[in-house]
């Protein structure tokens, strides 16, 4: 794995393999969950696609390069919730997070009307089941950062990439977008790695479903 320090020097660091990465049981649950999730995605795709197209111009899907296990790059997929070309307008929007490692803005003007509903209900994330099926993500893990976020990482931040990124995890199950301090997210991700078990993964999935159904902490 490559670590970029404050002087932008690239250093290779060999990290121990986390048990969740090689767990066959976790992978089987991921595959089963991905198949079920993609089946749901197919059912809702047509009404979601129509709503997105009627609401704004642009593609139905949105993709972005993220950093996964050990910092490896992969392309994440979502239903588009922002206006076309939103990435190029990011510099015009104030970052309400407490550091450059994440970007948060509760009233981001780039989010479309339909996109705000998709985010509130987490429907925008359904295409990520494809990433789970491919093995790039897991149902439960850490939030996958962008390469631009990773270049600001300190050494201890890289520890959160010892596991696969997940569609949900500690921070999603305990506040979602209401958590704006990156160090709190890092603490939760490392705490997840210490607590990890199949039973704990299932408990986080159930908590996430409750949070989503209550539409709490979403933006």
N, C-alpha and C. Protein backbone atom coordinates (compact mmCIF):
# COMPACT_ATOMS: atom_id res chain seq x y z
N UNK A 1 0.85 -1.19 0.00
CA UNK A 1 0.00 0.00 0.00
C UNK A 1 0.88 1.24 0.00
N UNK A 2 0.45 2.31 -0.69
CA UNK A 2 1.23 3.54 -0.78
C UNK A 2 0.64 4.60 0.13
N UNK A 3 1.51 5.26 0.90
CA UNK A 3 1.11 6.34 1.79
C UNK A 3 1.75 7.63 1.31
N UNK A 4 0.98 8.70 1.20
CA UNK A 4 1.50 10.00 0.81
C UNK A 4 1.58 10.87 2.05
N UNK A 5 2.81 11.27 2.43
CA UNK A 5 2.96 12.06 3.65
C UNK A 5 2.79 13.55 3.35
N UNK A 6 3.04 14.38 4.36
CA UNK A 6 2.81 15.82 4.22
C UNK A 6 3.71 16.48 3.18
N UNK A 7 4.81 15.83 2.84
CA UNK A 7 5.71 16.38 1.82
C UNK A 7 5.42 15.78 0.46
N UNK A 8 4.29 15.04 0.36
CA UNK A 8 3.85 14.40 -0.88
C UNK A 8 4.83 13.32 -1.34
N UNK A 9 5.59 12.77 -0.37
CA UNK A 9 6.49 11.65 -0.68
C UNK A 9 5.72 10.34 -0.56
N UNK A 10 5.84 9.48 -1.55
CA UNK A 10 5.12 8.21 -1.56
C UNK A 10 5.94 7.14 -0.85
N UNK A 11 5.35 6.53 0.17
CA UNK A 11 6.03 5.49 0.94
C UNK A 11 5.19 4.23 0.92
N UNK A 12 5.82 3.10 0.65
CA UNK A 12 5.09 1.83 0.65
C UNK A 12 5.05 1.26 2.06
N UNK A 13 3.86 0.95 2.53
CA UNK A 13 3.68 0.41 3.87
C UNK A 13 2.94 -0.92 3.77
N UNK A 14 3.49 -1.96 4.37
CA UNK A 14 2.84 -3.27 4.35
C UNK A 14 1.98 -3.40 5.60
N UNK A 15 0.67 -3.51 5.42
CA UNK A 15 -0.26 -3.58 6.54
C UNK A 15 -0.77 -5.01 6.71
N UNK A 16 -1.08 -5.41 7.95
CA UNK A 16 -1.62 -6.75 8.16
C UNK A 16 -3.00 -6.88 7.53
N UNK A 17 -3.32 -8.08 7.09
CA UNK A 17 -4.62 -8.32 6.46
C UNK A 17 -5.69 -8.45 7.54
N UNK A 18 -6.73 -7.62 7.43
CA UNK A 18 -7.81 -7.68 8.40
C UNK A 18 -8.64 -8.94 8.15
N UNK A 19 -9.09 -9.63 9.23
CA UNK A 19 -9.86 -10.87 9.06
C UNK A 19 -11.08 -10.74 8.17
N UNK A 20 -11.72 -9.57 8.15
CA UNK A 20 -12.92 -9.40 7.33
C UNK A 20 -12.63 -9.50 5.84
N UNK A 21 -11.39 -9.17 5.45
CA UNK A 21 -11.02 -9.19 4.03
C UNK A 21 -10.97 -10.60 3.49
N UNK A 22 -10.58 -11.56 4.33
CA UNK A 22 -10.42 -12.95 3.88
C UNK A 22 -11.54 -13.86 4.37
N UNK A 23 -12.55 -13.27 5.00
CA UNK A 23 -13.66 -14.07 5.53
C UNK A 23 -14.58 -14.55 4.39
N UNK A 24 -14.69 -15.86 4.23
CA UNK A 24 -15.57 -16.42 3.21
C UNK A 24 -17.03 -16.19 3.56
N UNK A 25 -17.35 -16.23 4.85
CA UNK A 25 -18.73 -16.00 5.29
C UNK A 25 -19.17 -14.58 4.95
N UNK A 26 -18.30 -13.61 5.19
CA UNK A 26 -18.63 -12.21 4.87
C UNK A 26 -18.83 -12.05 3.37
N UNK A 27 -17.98 -12.70 2.58
CA UNK A 27 -18.11 -12.59 1.12
C UNK A 27 -19.41 -13.23 0.64
N UNK A 28 -19.81 -14.34 1.23
CA UNK A 28 -21.06 -14.99 0.85
C UNK A 28 -22.25 -14.10 1.17
N UNK A 29 -22.20 -13.44 2.34
CA UNK A 29 -23.27 -12.52 2.72
C UNK A 29 -23.31 -11.34 1.75
N UNK A 30 -22.13 -10.87 1.36
CA UNK A 30 -22.05 -9.76 0.40
C UNK A 30 -22.69 -10.14 -0.94
N UNK A 31 -22.37 -11.33 -1.42
CA UNK A 31 -22.92 -11.77 -2.70
C UNK A 31 -24.43 -11.92 -2.62
N UNK A 32 -24.92 -12.54 -1.55
CA UNK A 32 -26.36 -12.71 -1.36
C UNK A 32 -27.04 -11.35 -1.27
N UNK A 33 -26.46 -10.44 -0.47
CA UNK A 33 -27.04 -9.11 -0.32
C UNK A 33 -27.02 -8.33 -1.63
N UNK A 34 -25.94 -8.51 -2.41
CA UNK A 34 -25.82 -7.80 -3.69
C UNK A 34 -26.88 -8.29 -4.68
N UNK A 35 -27.11 -9.60 -4.71
CA UNK A 35 -28.12 -10.15 -5.61
C UNK A 35 -29.51 -9.63 -5.25
N UNK A 36 -29.82 -9.63 -3.96
CA UNK A 36 -31.12 -9.11 -3.51
C UNK A 36 -31.20 -7.61 -3.80
N UNK A 37 -30.12 -6.89 -3.50
CA UNK A 37 -30.10 -5.45 -3.72
C UNK A 37 -30.24 -5.06 -5.17
N UNK A 38 -29.58 -5.81 -6.06
CA UNK A 38 -29.67 -5.52 -7.49
C UNK A 38 -31.07 -5.84 -8.02
N UNK A 39 -31.71 -6.84 -7.44
CA UNK A 39 -33.08 -7.16 -7.83
C UNK A 39 -34.00 -5.99 -7.49
N UNK A 40 -33.80 -5.41 -6.31
CA UNK A 40 -34.59 -4.24 -5.91
C UNK A 40 -34.26 -3.05 -6.81
N UNK A 41 -32.97 -2.91 -7.14
CA UNK A 41 -32.53 -1.81 -8.00
C UNK A 41 -33.21 -1.87 -9.36
N UNK A 42 -33.31 -3.07 -9.92
CA UNK A 42 -33.96 -3.24 -11.23
C UNK A 42 -35.42 -2.80 -11.17
N UNK A 43 -36.09 -3.13 -10.07
CA UNK A 43 -37.51 -2.79 -9.91
C UNK A 43 -37.72 -1.28 -9.85
N UNK A 44 -36.84 -0.58 -9.11
CA UNK A 44 -37.04 0.86 -8.91
C UNK A 44 -36.34 1.70 -9.98
N UNK A 45 -35.51 1.08 -10.80
CA UNK A 45 -34.68 1.83 -11.76
C UNK A 45 -35.51 2.66 -12.73
N UNK A 46 -36.60 2.07 -13.26
CA UNK A 46 -37.39 2.79 -14.26
C UNK A 46 -38.06 4.04 -13.68
N UNK A 47 -38.81 3.94 -12.56
CA UNK A 47 -39.40 5.18 -12.01
C UNK A 47 -38.34 6.19 -11.56
N UNK A 48 -37.22 5.70 -11.01
CA UNK A 48 -36.15 6.61 -10.60
C UNK A 48 -35.56 7.31 -11.81
N UNK A 49 -35.32 6.55 -12.88
CA UNK A 49 -34.75 7.12 -14.10
C UNK A 49 -35.66 8.18 -14.71
N UNK A 50 -36.97 7.90 -14.73
CA UNK A 50 -37.93 8.86 -15.28
C UNK A 50 -37.93 10.14 -14.44
N UNK A 51 -37.92 9.98 -13.11
CA UNK A 51 -37.93 11.14 -12.22
C UNK A 51 -36.67 11.98 -12.41
N UNK A 52 -35.51 11.33 -12.53
CA UNK A 52 -34.25 12.06 -12.71
C UNK A 52 -34.27 12.84 -14.02
N UNK A 53 -34.73 12.19 -15.09
CA UNK A 53 -34.75 12.82 -16.40
C UNK A 53 -35.72 14.00 -16.46
N UNK A 54 -36.88 13.86 -15.81
CA UNK A 54 -37.87 14.94 -15.81
C UNK A 54 -37.41 16.13 -14.96
N UNK A 55 -36.58 15.84 -13.98
CA UNK A 55 -36.15 16.87 -13.04
C UNK A 55 -34.98 17.69 -13.56
N UNK A 56 -34.05 17.06 -14.28
CA UNK A 56 -32.87 17.79 -14.74
C UNK A 56 -32.20 17.06 -15.90
N UNK A 57 -31.41 17.80 -16.65
CA UNK A 57 -30.67 17.21 -17.76
C UNK A 57 -29.46 16.44 -17.23
N UNK A 58 -29.07 15.43 -17.99
CA UNK A 58 -27.88 14.67 -17.60
C UNK A 58 -28.14 13.18 -17.54
N UNK A 59 -27.11 12.44 -17.19
CA UNK A 59 -27.18 10.99 -17.12
C UNK A 59 -28.02 10.51 -15.94
N UNK A 60 -28.54 9.31 -16.05
CA UNK A 60 -29.28 8.70 -14.94
C UNK A 60 -28.32 8.29 -13.83
N UNK A 61 -27.17 7.78 -14.25
CA UNK A 61 -26.18 7.30 -13.29
C UNK A 61 -25.06 8.31 -13.10
N UNK A 62 -24.43 8.23 -11.95
CA UNK A 62 -23.24 9.03 -11.64
C UNK A 62 -22.15 8.08 -11.19
N UNK A 63 -20.95 8.28 -11.68
CA UNK A 63 -19.83 7.45 -11.25
C UNK A 63 -18.66 8.32 -10.85
N UNK A 64 -17.85 7.81 -9.96
CA UNK A 64 -16.71 8.56 -9.45
C UNK A 64 -15.63 7.58 -9.00
N UNK A 65 -14.37 7.97 -9.17
CA UNK A 65 -13.26 7.13 -8.71
C UNK A 65 -13.13 7.28 -7.20
N UNK A 66 -13.09 6.19 -6.50
CA UNK A 66 -12.89 6.17 -5.05
C UNK A 66 -11.72 5.26 -4.70
N UNK A 67 -11.27 5.38 -3.45
CA UNK A 67 -10.18 4.54 -2.94
C UNK A 67 -10.75 3.44 -2.06
N UNK A 68 -10.43 2.20 -2.40
CA UNK A 68 -10.95 1.06 -1.66
C UNK A 68 -9.90 0.43 -0.78
N UNK A 69 -9.95 -0.89 -0.68
CA UNK A 69 -9.03 -1.65 0.17
C UNK A 69 -7.58 -1.31 -0.17
N UNK A 70 -6.81 -0.92 0.85
CA UNK A 70 -5.40 -0.56 0.70
C UNK A 70 -5.18 0.59 -0.28
N UNK A 71 -6.22 1.41 -0.48
CA UNK A 71 -6.09 2.58 -1.34
C UNK A 71 -6.27 2.32 -2.82
N UNK A 72 -6.64 1.08 -3.19
CA UNK A 72 -6.82 0.78 -4.61
C UNK A 72 -8.01 1.54 -5.18
N UNK A 73 -7.84 2.06 -6.38
CA UNK A 73 -8.89 2.84 -7.01
C UNK A 73 -9.95 1.93 -7.65
N UNK A 74 -11.20 2.36 -7.56
CA UNK A 74 -12.29 1.68 -8.25
C UNK A 74 -13.36 2.72 -8.58
N UNK A 75 -14.25 2.38 -9.48
CA UNK A 75 -15.31 3.31 -9.89
C UNK A 75 -16.61 2.96 -9.18
N UNK A 76 -17.10 3.90 -8.37
CA UNK A 76 -18.34 3.69 -7.63
C UNK A 76 -19.51 4.20 -8.46
N UNK A 77 -20.68 3.56 -8.29
CA UNK A 77 -21.86 3.92 -9.07
C UNK A 77 -23.01 4.33 -8.16
N UNK A 78 -23.75 5.36 -8.61
CA UNK A 78 -24.94 5.83 -7.89
C UNK A 78 -25.96 6.31 -8.90
N UNK A 79 -27.21 6.46 -8.46
CA UNK A 79 -28.17 7.22 -9.25
C UNK A 79 -27.80 8.69 -9.07
N UNK A 80 -27.82 9.46 -10.16
CA UNK A 80 -27.40 10.86 -10.09
C UNK A 80 -28.35 11.68 -9.22
N UNK A 81 -27.78 12.38 -8.26
CA UNK A 81 -28.58 13.21 -7.35
C UNK A 81 -28.21 14.69 -7.46
N UNK A 82 -27.21 14.99 -8.28
CA UNK A 82 -26.79 16.38 -8.46
C UNK A 82 -26.97 16.80 -9.92
N UNK A 83 -26.89 18.10 -10.15
CA UNK A 83 -26.99 18.61 -11.50
C UNK A 83 -25.79 18.15 -12.31
N UNK A 84 -25.94 18.10 -13.63
CA UNK A 84 -24.85 17.68 -14.51
C UNK A 84 -23.66 18.62 -14.34
N UNK A 85 -22.46 18.04 -14.29
CA UNK A 85 -21.25 18.85 -14.13
C UNK A 85 -21.03 19.37 -12.73
N UNK A 86 -21.66 18.73 -11.73
CA UNK A 86 -21.57 19.19 -10.34
C UNK A 86 -20.14 19.15 -9.80
N UNK A 87 -19.35 18.18 -10.24
CA UNK A 87 -17.98 18.06 -9.74
C UNK A 87 -17.16 19.30 -10.08
N UNK A 88 -17.42 19.88 -11.26
CA UNK A 88 -16.67 21.07 -11.68
C UNK A 88 -17.09 22.33 -10.91
N UNK A 89 -18.22 22.25 -10.21
CA UNK A 89 -18.72 23.39 -9.44
C UNK A 89 -18.46 23.26 -7.94
N UNK A 90 -17.79 22.19 -7.55
CA UNK A 90 -17.57 21.92 -6.13
C UNK A 90 -16.84 23.05 -5.43
N UNK A 91 -15.88 23.67 -6.12
CA UNK A 91 -15.08 24.73 -5.50
C UNK A 91 -15.92 25.96 -5.15
N UNK A 92 -17.13 26.05 -5.70
CA UNK A 92 -18.00 27.19 -5.42
C UNK A 92 -18.89 26.98 -4.19
N UNK A 93 -18.86 25.76 -3.67
CA UNK A 93 -19.72 25.40 -2.54
C UNK A 93 -18.88 25.31 -1.26
N UNK A 94 -19.36 25.92 -0.20
CA UNK A 94 -18.63 25.93 1.07
C UNK A 94 -18.60 24.54 1.70
N UNK A 95 -17.44 24.12 2.14
CA UNK A 95 -17.30 22.86 2.86
C UNK A 95 -17.59 23.10 4.33
N UNK A 96 -18.66 22.48 4.85
CA UNK A 96 -19.06 22.67 6.23
C UNK A 96 -18.40 21.66 7.17
N UNK A 97 -17.62 20.74 6.60
CA UNK A 97 -16.89 19.78 7.43
C UNK A 97 -15.72 20.49 8.10
N UNK A 98 -15.14 19.83 9.10
CA UNK A 98 -14.08 20.47 9.88
C UNK A 98 -12.68 20.18 9.35
N UNK A 99 -12.57 19.53 8.20
CA UNK A 99 -11.27 19.27 7.59
C UNK A 99 -11.45 19.01 6.11
N UNK A 100 -10.33 18.97 5.36
CA UNK A 100 -10.39 18.76 3.92
C UNK A 100 -10.51 17.29 3.54
N UNK A 101 -10.47 16.40 4.54
CA UNK A 101 -10.54 14.97 4.23
C UNK A 101 -11.93 14.52 3.82
N UNK A 102 -12.95 15.32 4.12
CA UNK A 102 -14.32 15.03 3.68
C UNK A 102 -14.97 16.33 3.24
N UNK A 103 -16.07 16.20 2.49
CA UNK A 103 -16.81 17.39 2.05
C UNK A 103 -18.27 17.25 2.46
N UNK A 104 -18.78 18.25 3.18
CA UNK A 104 -20.17 18.24 3.63
C UNK A 104 -20.79 19.61 3.44
N UNK A 105 -22.00 19.63 2.94
CA UNK A 105 -22.79 20.86 2.89
C UNK A 105 -24.26 20.46 2.88
N UNK A 106 -24.96 20.75 3.98
CA UNK A 106 -26.34 20.29 4.15
C UNK A 106 -27.29 20.87 3.11
N UNK A 107 -26.98 22.06 2.61
CA UNK A 107 -27.86 22.71 1.62
C UNK A 107 -27.12 22.92 0.31
N UNK A 108 -26.38 21.91 -0.10
CA UNK A 108 -25.60 21.98 -1.33
C UNK A 108 -26.52 22.32 -2.51
N UNK A 109 -26.31 23.48 -3.16
CA UNK A 109 -27.21 23.90 -4.24
C UNK A 109 -27.12 23.03 -5.49
N UNK A 110 -26.11 22.17 -5.56
CA UNK A 110 -25.96 21.30 -6.73
C UNK A 110 -26.93 20.12 -6.69
N UNK A 111 -27.48 19.82 -5.52
CA UNK A 111 -28.39 18.69 -5.39
C UNK A 111 -29.74 19.06 -6.00
N UNK A 112 -30.26 18.21 -6.86
CA UNK A 112 -31.54 18.46 -7.51
C UNK A 112 -32.69 18.13 -6.56
N UNK A 113 -33.90 18.51 -6.94
CA UNK A 113 -35.08 18.22 -6.11
C UNK A 113 -35.27 16.71 -5.95
N UNK A 114 -35.20 15.99 -7.06
CA UNK A 114 -35.32 14.53 -7.01
C UNK A 114 -34.13 13.94 -6.27
N UNK A 115 -32.95 14.53 -6.50
CA UNK A 115 -31.74 14.05 -5.84
C UNK A 115 -31.82 14.14 -4.33
N UNK A 116 -32.45 15.19 -3.83
CA UNK A 116 -32.60 15.32 -2.38
C UNK A 116 -33.47 14.21 -1.81
N UNK A 117 -34.52 13.83 -2.56
CA UNK A 117 -35.36 12.71 -2.13
C UNK A 117 -34.58 11.40 -2.20
N UNK A 118 -33.81 11.21 -3.26
CA UNK A 118 -33.02 9.99 -3.41
C UNK A 118 -32.02 9.84 -2.27
N UNK A 119 -31.41 10.93 -1.88
CA UNK A 119 -30.44 10.88 -0.79
C UNK A 119 -31.12 10.63 0.55
N UNK A 120 -32.25 11.28 0.76
CA UNK A 120 -32.97 11.13 2.03
C UNK A 120 -33.41 9.69 2.24
N UNK A 121 -33.74 9.02 1.15
CA UNK A 121 -34.20 7.62 1.22
C UNK A 121 -33.08 6.62 0.92
N UNK A 122 -31.88 7.14 0.59
CA UNK A 122 -30.72 6.32 0.22
C UNK A 122 -30.92 5.52 -1.07
N UNK A 123 -31.94 5.88 -1.86
CA UNK A 123 -32.16 5.19 -3.14
C UNK A 123 -31.02 5.46 -4.12
N UNK A 124 -30.34 6.59 -3.95
CA UNK A 124 -29.24 6.91 -4.86
C UNK A 124 -28.09 5.92 -4.76
N UNK A 125 -28.00 5.20 -3.64
CA UNK A 125 -26.88 4.29 -3.41
C UNK A 125 -27.14 2.87 -3.89
N UNK A 126 -28.34 2.58 -4.37
CA UNK A 126 -28.66 1.21 -4.79
C UNK A 126 -27.71 0.64 -5.85
N UNK A 127 -27.24 1.42 -6.84
CA UNK A 127 -26.32 0.86 -7.83
C UNK A 127 -25.00 0.36 -7.24
N UNK A 128 -24.69 0.75 -6.01
CA UNK A 128 -23.46 0.28 -5.38
C UNK A 128 -23.49 -1.22 -5.09
N UNK A 129 -24.67 -1.82 -5.15
CA UNK A 129 -24.73 -3.28 -5.00
C UNK A 129 -23.92 -3.96 -6.11
N UNK A 130 -23.79 -3.28 -7.25
CA UNK A 130 -22.95 -3.81 -8.33
C UNK A 130 -21.49 -3.83 -7.90
N UNK A 131 -21.04 -2.78 -7.20
CA UNK A 131 -19.68 -2.75 -6.66
C UNK A 131 -19.46 -3.85 -5.64
N UNK A 132 -20.50 -4.14 -4.86
CA UNK A 132 -20.41 -5.21 -3.87
C UNK A 132 -20.29 -6.56 -4.56
N UNK A 133 -21.09 -6.78 -5.60
CA UNK A 133 -21.04 -8.04 -6.33
C UNK A 133 -19.66 -8.26 -6.95
N UNK A 134 -19.04 -7.20 -7.44
CA UNK A 134 -17.72 -7.30 -8.05
C UNK A 134 -16.61 -7.51 -7.02
N UNK A 135 -16.94 -7.29 -5.75
CA UNK A 135 -15.94 -7.47 -4.70
C UNK A 135 -15.14 -6.21 -4.41
N UNK A 136 -15.52 -5.09 -5.03
CA UNK A 136 -14.82 -3.82 -4.80
C UNK A 136 -15.27 -3.19 -3.49
N UNK A 137 -16.50 -3.51 -3.08
CA UNK A 137 -17.06 -3.01 -1.84
C UNK A 137 -17.67 -4.17 -1.07
N UNK A 138 -18.06 -3.88 0.15
CA UNK A 138 -18.77 -4.84 0.98
C UNK A 138 -20.08 -4.20 1.44
N UNK A 139 -21.00 -4.99 1.93
CA UNK A 139 -22.22 -4.40 2.48
C UNK A 139 -21.89 -3.51 3.67
N UNK A 140 -20.90 -3.94 4.47
CA UNK A 140 -20.48 -3.20 5.66
C UNK A 140 -18.97 -2.97 5.61
N UNK A 141 -18.57 -1.76 5.87
CA UNK A 141 -17.14 -1.43 5.85
C UNK A 141 -16.94 0.03 6.21
N UNK A 142 -16.00 0.67 5.53
CA UNK A 142 -15.72 2.08 5.77
C UNK A 142 -16.22 2.91 4.59
N UNK A 143 -16.36 4.20 4.80
CA UNK A 143 -16.76 5.09 3.71
C UNK A 143 -15.61 5.19 2.71
N UNK A 144 -15.85 4.95 1.41
CA UNK A 144 -14.76 5.02 0.43
C UNK A 144 -14.41 6.47 0.07
N UNK A 145 -13.20 6.92 0.38
CA UNK A 145 -12.82 8.30 0.10
C UNK A 145 -12.43 8.51 -1.37
N UNK A 146 -12.40 9.76 -1.79
CA UNK A 146 -11.92 10.10 -3.12
C UNK A 146 -10.40 10.25 -3.07
N UNK A 147 -9.71 10.12 -4.20
CA UNK A 147 -8.25 10.35 -4.22
C UNK A 147 -7.87 11.73 -3.71
N UNK A 148 -8.70 12.74 -3.98
CA UNK A 148 -8.41 14.10 -3.51
C UNK A 148 -8.49 14.21 -1.99
N UNK A 149 -9.32 13.38 -1.38
CA UNK A 149 -9.39 13.36 0.08
C UNK A 149 -8.19 12.64 0.66
N UNK A 150 -7.77 11.57 0.00
CA UNK A 150 -6.69 10.73 0.51
C UNK A 150 -5.35 11.47 0.54
N UNK A 151 -5.14 12.40 -0.40
CA UNK A 151 -3.85 13.10 -0.43
C UNK A 151 -3.65 13.96 0.82
N UNK A 152 -4.72 14.22 1.56
CA UNK A 152 -4.61 14.98 2.80
C UNK A 152 -4.47 14.07 4.03
N UNK A 153 -4.44 12.77 3.82
CA UNK A 153 -4.40 11.82 4.94
C UNK A 153 -3.08 11.89 5.71
N UNK A 154 -3.17 11.77 7.03
CA UNK A 154 -2.02 11.48 7.87
C UNK A 154 -1.89 9.96 7.95
N UNK A 155 -0.80 9.47 8.52
CA UNK A 155 -0.54 8.03 8.50
C UNK A 155 -1.64 7.22 9.17
N UNK A 156 -2.18 7.73 10.30
CA UNK A 156 -3.19 6.93 11.01
C UNK A 156 -4.51 6.88 10.25
N UNK A 157 -4.73 7.84 9.34
CA UNK A 157 -5.96 7.81 8.55
C UNK A 157 -5.98 6.62 7.59
N UNK A 158 -4.79 6.20 7.15
CA UNK A 158 -4.71 5.09 6.19
C UNK A 158 -5.20 3.77 6.78
N UNK A 159 -5.21 3.69 8.11
CA UNK A 159 -5.64 2.45 8.76
C UNK A 159 -7.10 2.13 8.46
N UNK A 160 -7.89 3.16 8.15
CA UNK A 160 -9.31 2.92 7.85
C UNK A 160 -9.48 2.18 6.53
N UNK A 161 -8.43 2.14 5.70
CA UNK A 161 -8.49 1.44 4.42
C UNK A 161 -7.97 0.01 4.53
N UNK A 162 -7.83 -0.49 5.76
CA UNK A 162 -7.41 -1.88 5.97
C UNK A 162 -8.53 -2.86 5.66
N UNK A 163 -9.75 -2.35 5.51
CA UNK A 163 -10.91 -3.19 5.18
C UNK A 163 -11.55 -2.66 3.91
N UNK A 164 -12.41 -3.46 3.30
CA UNK A 164 -13.12 -3.00 2.11
C UNK A 164 -14.07 -1.86 2.47
N UNK A 165 -14.27 -0.93 1.56
CA UNK A 165 -15.29 0.09 1.80
C UNK A 165 -16.67 -0.54 1.80
N UNK A 166 -17.58 0.05 2.52
CA UNK A 166 -18.91 -0.54 2.64
C UNK A 166 -20.02 0.40 2.23
N UNK A 167 -21.15 -0.19 1.85
CA UNK A 167 -22.34 0.62 1.58
C UNK A 167 -22.83 1.25 2.87
N UNK A 168 -22.56 0.59 3.98
CA UNK A 168 -22.86 1.15 5.29
C UNK A 168 -21.71 0.82 6.22
N UNK A 169 -21.76 1.39 7.41
CA UNK A 169 -20.70 1.18 8.40
C UNK A 169 -21.07 1.88 9.69
N UNK A 170 -20.08 2.06 10.55
CA UNK A 170 -20.33 2.69 11.85
C UNK A 170 -20.94 4.08 11.72
N UNK A 171 -20.34 4.91 10.87
CA UNK A 171 -20.81 6.31 10.84
C UNK A 171 -22.17 6.44 10.18
N UNK A 172 -22.46 5.58 9.19
CA UNK A 172 -23.80 5.63 8.57
C UNK A 172 -24.87 5.16 9.54
N UNK A 173 -24.54 4.15 10.33
CA UNK A 173 -25.51 3.59 11.27
C UNK A 173 -25.72 4.47 12.50
N UNK A 174 -24.77 5.39 12.73
CA UNK A 174 -24.84 6.22 13.93
C UNK A 174 -24.80 7.72 13.61
N UNK A 175 -25.56 8.13 12.60
CA UNK A 175 -25.66 9.55 12.35
C UNK A 175 -25.63 9.97 10.91
N UNK A 176 -25.07 9.12 10.04
CA UNK A 176 -24.98 9.41 8.61
C UNK A 176 -24.36 10.80 8.39
N UNK A 177 -25.00 11.64 7.60
CA UNK A 177 -24.40 12.90 7.19
C UNK A 177 -24.34 13.95 8.30
N UNK A 178 -24.93 13.68 9.45
CA UNK A 178 -24.87 14.66 10.54
C UNK A 178 -23.49 14.71 11.18
N UNK A 179 -22.64 13.70 10.92
CA UNK A 179 -21.28 13.66 11.47
C UNK A 179 -20.36 14.40 10.51
N UNK A 180 -19.76 15.50 10.96
CA UNK A 180 -18.97 16.35 10.09
C UNK A 180 -17.48 16.39 10.46
N UNK A 181 -17.12 15.81 11.59
CA UNK A 181 -15.72 15.78 12.01
C UNK A 181 -15.07 14.50 11.48
N UNK A 182 -14.10 14.66 10.59
CA UNK A 182 -13.45 13.51 9.97
C UNK A 182 -12.80 12.60 11.00
N UNK A 183 -12.23 13.17 12.04
CA UNK A 183 -11.58 12.34 13.07
C UNK A 183 -12.60 11.44 13.76
N UNK A 184 -13.85 11.91 13.89
CA UNK A 184 -14.90 11.07 14.46
C UNK A 184 -15.17 9.88 13.54
N UNK A 185 -15.17 10.14 12.22
CA UNK A 185 -15.39 9.06 11.25
C UNK A 185 -14.26 8.06 11.31
N UNK A 186 -13.01 8.55 11.38
CA UNK A 186 -11.85 7.67 11.47
C UNK A 186 -11.93 6.81 12.72
N UNK A 187 -12.28 7.45 13.84
CA UNK A 187 -12.42 6.71 15.11
C UNK A 187 -13.46 5.60 14.98
N UNK A 188 -14.59 5.91 14.35
CA UNK A 188 -15.64 4.91 14.16
C UNK A 188 -15.18 3.77 13.25
N UNK A 189 -14.46 4.12 12.18
CA UNK A 189 -13.99 3.10 11.25
C UNK A 189 -12.99 2.16 11.91
N UNK A 190 -12.09 2.70 12.71
CA UNK A 190 -11.11 1.87 13.40
C UNK A 190 -11.77 1.05 14.51
N UNK A 191 -12.79 1.65 15.13
CA UNK A 191 -13.54 0.92 16.15
C UNK A 191 -14.27 -0.27 15.52
N UNK A 192 -14.80 -0.05 14.29
CA UNK A 192 -15.46 -1.14 13.55
C UNK A 192 -14.47 -2.29 13.31
N UNK A 193 -13.25 -1.96 12.94
CA UNK A 193 -12.27 -2.99 12.67
C UNK A 193 -11.96 -3.81 13.92
N UNK A 194 -11.94 -3.14 15.07
CA UNK A 194 -11.67 -3.85 16.33
C UNK A 194 -12.85 -4.73 16.73
N UNK A 195 -14.08 -4.27 16.46
CA UNK A 195 -15.27 -5.00 16.88
C UNK A 195 -15.72 -6.05 15.87
N UNK A 196 -15.13 -6.04 14.67
CA UNK A 196 -15.71 -6.78 13.56
C UNK A 196 -16.00 -8.25 13.87
N UNK A 197 -17.16 -8.67 13.42
CA UNK A 197 -17.58 -10.07 13.38
C UNK A 197 -18.77 -10.12 12.43
N UNK A 198 -19.15 -11.32 12.00
CA UNK A 198 -20.31 -11.45 11.13
C UNK A 198 -21.57 -10.95 11.84
N UNK A 199 -21.69 -11.28 13.11
CA UNK A 199 -22.86 -10.84 13.89
C UNK A 199 -22.89 -9.31 13.98
N UNK A 200 -21.71 -8.71 14.16
CA UNK A 200 -21.65 -7.25 14.27
C UNK A 200 -22.02 -6.60 12.93
N UNK A 201 -21.58 -7.18 11.83
CA UNK A 201 -21.97 -6.68 10.50
C UNK A 201 -23.49 -6.67 10.35
N UNK A 202 -24.11 -7.78 10.74
CA UNK A 202 -25.56 -7.89 10.61
C UNK A 202 -26.26 -6.84 11.48
N UNK A 203 -25.71 -6.59 12.67
CA UNK A 203 -26.31 -5.59 13.56
C UNK A 203 -26.23 -4.20 12.95
N UNK A 204 -25.12 -3.89 12.27
CA UNK A 204 -24.97 -2.58 11.63
C UNK A 204 -25.91 -2.43 10.43
N UNK A 205 -26.13 -3.52 9.70
CA UNK A 205 -27.07 -3.49 8.59
C UNK A 205 -28.48 -3.19 9.11
N UNK A 206 -28.87 -3.85 10.20
CA UNK A 206 -30.20 -3.63 10.77
C UNK A 206 -30.34 -2.20 11.30
N UNK A 207 -29.28 -1.68 11.93
CA UNK A 207 -29.32 -0.30 12.43
C UNK A 207 -29.44 0.69 11.28
N UNK A 208 -28.72 0.39 10.18
CA UNK A 208 -28.77 1.27 9.02
C UNK A 208 -30.17 1.30 8.41
N UNK A 209 -30.81 0.14 8.32
CA UNK A 209 -32.17 0.07 7.79
C UNK A 209 -33.11 0.91 8.64
N UNK A 210 -32.90 0.90 9.96
CA UNK A 210 -33.74 1.70 10.86
C UNK A 210 -33.49 3.19 10.64
N UNK A 211 -32.21 3.57 10.50
CA UNK A 211 -31.86 4.97 10.27
C UNK A 211 -32.45 5.46 8.95
N UNK A 212 -32.33 4.64 7.90
CA UNK A 212 -32.85 5.01 6.59
C UNK A 212 -34.36 5.14 6.63
N UNK A 213 -35.04 4.21 7.30
CA UNK A 213 -36.51 4.25 7.37
C UNK A 213 -36.99 5.49 8.12
N UNK A 214 -36.16 5.95 9.09
CA UNK A 214 -36.52 7.16 9.84
C UNK A 214 -36.05 8.43 9.13
N UNK A 215 -35.26 8.24 8.03
CA UNK A 215 -34.71 9.36 7.26
C UNK A 215 -33.92 10.31 8.15
N UNK A 216 -33.19 9.76 9.13
CA UNK A 216 -32.42 10.60 10.04
C UNK A 216 -30.99 10.74 9.58
N UNK A 217 -30.45 11.94 9.73
CA UNK A 217 -29.07 12.22 9.40
C UNK A 217 -28.76 12.28 7.94
N UNK A 218 -29.76 12.27 7.08
CA UNK A 218 -29.52 12.30 5.63
C UNK A 218 -29.56 13.72 5.11
N UNK A 219 -28.86 13.92 3.98
CA UNK A 219 -28.94 15.23 3.34
C UNK A 219 -28.92 15.04 1.84
